Protein backbone atom coordinates (compact mmCIF):
# COMPACT_ATOMS: atom_id res chain seq x y z
CA UNK A 1 9.82 -13.05 -35.44
CA UNK A 2 12.38 -15.58 -34.34
CA UNK A 3 15.98 -14.47 -33.85
CA UNK A 4 18.98 -15.93 -32.17
CA UNK A 5 20.13 -13.86 -29.20
CA UNK A 6 23.49 -13.21 -30.76
CA UNK A 7 21.95 -11.88 -33.98
CA UNK A 8 19.69 -9.29 -32.38
CA UNK A 9 21.95 -6.51 -33.57
CA UNK A 10 21.00 -5.99 -37.25
CA UNK A 11 24.61 -5.10 -38.01
CA UNK A 12 25.79 -8.45 -36.65
CA UNK A 13 23.91 -10.51 -39.25
CA UNK A 14 23.06 -9.04 -42.64
CA UNK A 15 20.35 -11.68 -43.10
CA UNK A 16 18.34 -10.14 -40.28
CA UNK A 17 16.12 -7.22 -41.22
CA UNK A 18 13.91 -5.51 -38.69
CA UNK A 19 10.25 -5.14 -39.49
CA UNK A 20 9.29 -1.49 -40.00
CA UNK A 21 7.11 -1.33 -36.88
CA UNK A 22 9.84 -2.92 -34.77
CA UNK A 23 12.48 -0.56 -36.12
CA UNK A 24 10.19 2.37 -35.31
CA UNK A 25 9.64 1.06 -31.77
CA UNK A 26 13.39 0.71 -31.19
CA UNK A 27 14.08 4.21 -32.54
CA UNK A 28 11.31 5.70 -30.40
CA UNK A 29 12.55 3.97 -27.25
CA UNK A 30 16.14 5.01 -27.98
CA UNK A 31 15.03 8.62 -28.43
CA UNK A 32 13.23 8.47 -25.08
CA UNK A 33 16.33 7.03 -23.38
CA UNK A 34 18.53 9.72 -24.93
CA UNK A 35 16.20 12.46 -23.65
CA UNK A 36 16.03 10.93 -20.17
CA UNK A 37 19.82 10.67 -20.07
CA UNK A 38 19.90 14.46 -20.21
CA UNK A 39 17.18 14.77 -17.56
CA UNK A 40 18.97 12.28 -15.28
CA UNK A 41 22.16 14.35 -15.43
CA UNK A 42 20.16 17.49 -14.59
CA UNK A 43 18.56 15.71 -11.63
CA UNK A 44 21.93 14.57 -10.31
CA UNK A 45 23.42 18.07 -10.53
CA UNK A 46 20.33 19.60 -8.91
CA UNK A 47 20.47 17.06 -6.10
CA UNK A 48 24.14 17.75 -5.36
CA UNK A 49 23.51 21.49 -5.42
CA UNK A 50 20.96 21.24 -2.60
CA UNK A 51 22.94 18.96 -0.26
CA UNK A 52 25.59 21.51 0.74
CA UNK A 53 29.18 20.68 1.60
CA UNK A 54 30.91 18.31 1.23
CA UNK A 55 28.71 17.00 -1.60
CA UNK A 56 29.53 19.80 -4.00
CA UNK A 57 33.26 19.90 -3.29
CA UNK A 58 35.64 18.76 -6.06
CA UNK A 59 36.82 15.21 -5.55
CA UNK A 60 34.21 14.40 -2.93
CA UNK A 61 33.46 10.67 -2.94
CA UNK A 62 30.84 9.58 -0.41
CA UNK A 63 30.76 6.07 1.00
CA UNK A 64 29.12 3.65 -1.43
CA UNK A 65 26.16 2.66 0.69
CA UNK A 66 24.34 -0.41 -0.64
CA UNK A 67 20.94 0.30 -2.17
CA UNK A 68 18.39 -2.43 -1.51
CA UNK A 69 17.30 -4.11 -4.73
CA UNK A 70 19.63 -2.24 -7.05
CA UNK A 71 23.33 -2.06 -7.91
CA UNK A 72 25.41 -0.28 -10.51
CA UNK A 73 25.90 -1.91 -13.94
CA UNK A 74 28.59 -4.57 -13.64
CA UNK A 75 31.87 -4.07 -15.53
CA UNK A 76 30.94 -7.15 -17.58
CA UNK A 77 27.62 -5.61 -18.68
CA UNK A 78 28.93 -4.40 -22.04
CA UNK A 79 30.16 -7.89 -22.94
CA UNK A 80 26.76 -9.55 -22.45
CA UNK A 81 24.44 -10.43 -25.36
CA UNK A 82 22.14 -7.61 -26.36
CA UNK A 83 19.00 -9.30 -25.05
CA UNK A 84 20.53 -9.92 -21.64
CA UNK A 85 21.71 -6.31 -21.40
CA UNK A 86 18.21 -5.07 -22.13
CA UNK A 87 16.71 -7.47 -19.61
CA UNK A 88 19.03 -6.08 -16.95
CA UNK A 89 18.25 -2.51 -18.02
CA UNK A 90 14.50 -3.16 -17.73
CA UNK A 91 14.88 -4.78 -14.29
CA UNK A 92 16.93 -1.83 -12.99
CA UNK A 93 14.46 0.72 -14.36
CA UNK A 94 11.64 -1.21 -12.70
CA UNK A 95 13.44 -1.03 -9.33
CA UNK A 96 14.13 2.71 -9.49
CA UNK A 97 10.71 4.42 -9.01
CA UNK A 98 10.14 3.34 -5.36
CA UNK A 99 13.74 4.27 -4.52
CA UNK A 100 13.38 7.69 -6.10
CA UNK A 101 10.14 8.18 -4.17
CA UNK A 102 11.91 7.41 -0.88
CA UNK A 103 14.57 9.99 -1.76
CA UNK A 104 11.87 12.53 -2.67
CA UNK A 105 10.11 12.02 0.66
CA UNK A 106 13.34 12.50 2.62
CA UNK A 107 14.30 15.56 0.59
CA UNK A 108 10.86 17.06 1.25
CA UNK A 109 11.87 17.02 4.94
CA UNK A 110 15.45 18.20 4.42
CA UNK A 111 14.87 20.68 1.58
CA UNK A 112 11.21 21.75 1.67
CA UNK A 113 12.11 24.96 -0.16
CA UNK A 114 13.54 23.14 -3.18
CA UNK A 115 10.37 22.54 -5.22
CA UNK A 116 12.24 22.03 -8.48
CA UNK A 117 14.36 19.24 -6.99
CA UNK A 118 11.27 17.56 -5.53
CA UNK A 119 9.50 17.85 -8.87
CA UNK A 120 12.49 16.40 -10.72
CA UNK A 121 12.58 13.43 -8.33
CA UNK A 122 8.88 12.83 -8.83
CA UNK A 123 9.24 13.11 -12.60
CA UNK A 124 12.24 10.76 -12.57
CA UNK A 125 10.16 7.98 -11.04
CA UNK A 126 7.56 8.29 -13.79
CA UNK A 127 10.25 8.53 -16.46
CA UNK A 128 12.06 5.41 -15.24
CA UNK A 129 8.77 3.52 -15.25
CA UNK A 130 7.94 4.71 -18.77
CA UNK A 131 11.37 3.82 -20.15
CA UNK A 132 11.29 0.43 -18.46
CA UNK A 133 7.90 -0.31 -20.01
CA UNK A 134 9.18 0.79 -23.42
CA UNK A 135 12.22 -1.51 -23.15
CA UNK A 136 9.93 -4.37 -22.12
CA UNK A 137 7.79 -3.66 -25.19
CA UNK A 138 10.88 -3.85 -27.43
CA UNK A 139 11.86 -7.16 -25.85
CA UNK A 140 8.33 -8.51 -26.30
CA UNK A 141 8.34 -7.44 -29.96
CA UNK A 142 11.60 -9.34 -30.39
CA UNK A 143 9.96 -12.45 -29.00
CA UNK A 144 11.75 -12.41 -25.66
CA UNK A 145 9.75 -14.14 -22.89
CA UNK A 146 8.49 -11.81 -20.20
CA UNK A 147 10.54 -11.61 -17.03
CA UNK A 148 9.32 -13.48 -14.02
CA UNK A 149 7.59 -11.56 -11.22
CA UNK A 150 9.94 -9.09 -9.53
CA UNK A 151 10.99 -9.67 -5.94
CA UNK A 152 8.42 -8.57 -3.39
CA UNK A 153 9.27 -4.92 -2.65
CA UNK A 154 9.65 -3.58 0.84
CA UNK A 155 6.28 -2.06 1.80
CA UNK A 156 6.27 1.66 1.12
CA UNK A 157 5.49 2.56 4.73
CA UNK A 158 8.31 0.39 6.06
CA UNK A 159 10.74 1.72 3.46
CA UNK A 160 9.83 5.31 4.27
CA UNK A 161 10.18 4.63 8.00
CA UNK A 162 13.59 3.04 7.47
CA UNK A 163 14.74 6.01 5.39
CA UNK A 164 13.47 8.56 7.91
CA UNK A 165 15.28 6.79 10.75
CA UNK A 166 18.69 7.30 9.15
CA UNK A 167 20.83 10.31 9.99
CA UNK A 168 20.82 13.37 7.77
CA UNK A 169 24.21 12.65 6.21
CA UNK A 170 23.30 9.03 5.50
CA UNK A 171 19.99 10.12 3.97
CA UNK A 172 21.85 12.54 1.70
CA UNK A 173 24.33 9.82 0.70
CA UNK A 174 21.47 7.44 -0.09
CA UNK A 175 19.88 10.05 -2.33
CA UNK A 176 23.24 10.70 -3.97
CA UNK A 177 23.57 6.96 -4.70
CA UNK A 178 20.01 6.57 -6.01
CA UNK A 179 20.27 9.62 -8.29
CA UNK A 180 23.65 8.36 -9.49
CA UNK A 181 22.24 4.89 -10.20
CA UNK A 182 19.33 6.43 -12.08
CA UNK A 183 21.79 8.36 -14.22
CA UNK A 184 23.96 5.27 -14.81
CA UNK A 185 21.13 2.92 -15.77
CA UNK A 186 19.37 5.39 -18.06
CA UNK A 187 22.67 6.12 -19.80
CA UNK A 188 23.41 2.40 -20.06
CA UNK A 189 19.96 1.76 -21.52
CA UNK A 190 20.50 4.49 -24.10
CA UNK A 191 23.83 2.93 -25.08
CA UNK A 192 22.39 -0.58 -25.30
CA UNK A 193 19.47 0.57 -27.44
CA UNK A 194 21.81 2.52 -29.73
CA UNK A 195 23.38 -0.82 -30.72
CA UNK A 196 20.01 -1.94 -32.10
CA UNK A 197 19.20 1.18 -34.10
CA UNK A 198 19.94 0.55 -37.78
CA UNK A 199 22.79 2.83 -38.75
CA UNK A 200 23.84 3.24 -35.11
CA UNK A 201 27.31 2.56 -33.72
CA UNK A 202 28.83 -0.84 -34.44
C-alpha cells in the first residue's frame, strides 16, 4: 500500500482507508504500548523506592547524566510526521534493552534483596524489544523502508565494567535516567500509535 507520509493518519485524509489486517496490527501494537506504559510507570516507582534518600524525596531532581546511545524525546517530536515519530520510537526502543540490562546488573549488586525490582528490569528489556519489533512491523506494513543497521553497541562486558566502575550514587542516577527514559519512550510510542488508530484522538 502506497501512502504519502503526511497522510498516514487516516483522519488526515478521508481517501485513505486502512486494510483490515493493518488496522488490526496497529490496534494490537497500540494496546501493547498502553499496557507497557503502565508497567514502565510501575518500574520507575519501584526503582525509586529502592534507592533510598534523596531519590524518594519530594522535588528531588538528580543531575541529568548523559546516557550513551539514547536521549529523551525532543520537544519537536510531536510536530514531526507520523512516520518519522514512529521511526524514532522504534530506534529508542531498540536501544533500551542493553541499557536496562546494565541497570539490572548494577542493582543486583546494590539491592540483591529486591527480587521484584530485578525481575521488573529484566522484563522491561524484553518488553521494550517486543514493542520495538511491533512498531517496526507496523512501519513495514505501511511500506516504510527498514532502518539501516543500528550503531555498533558497546560490548556487553565493556559496558558492564564501565557501569560497575562508577560510584554508587552515579550508578543510581544512571538507573534513574534509564528507567525514566524507558517510561518516556513507551509513553511517547503509545501516544504516537494512538494517532493512527481509527477513531482515536485527532
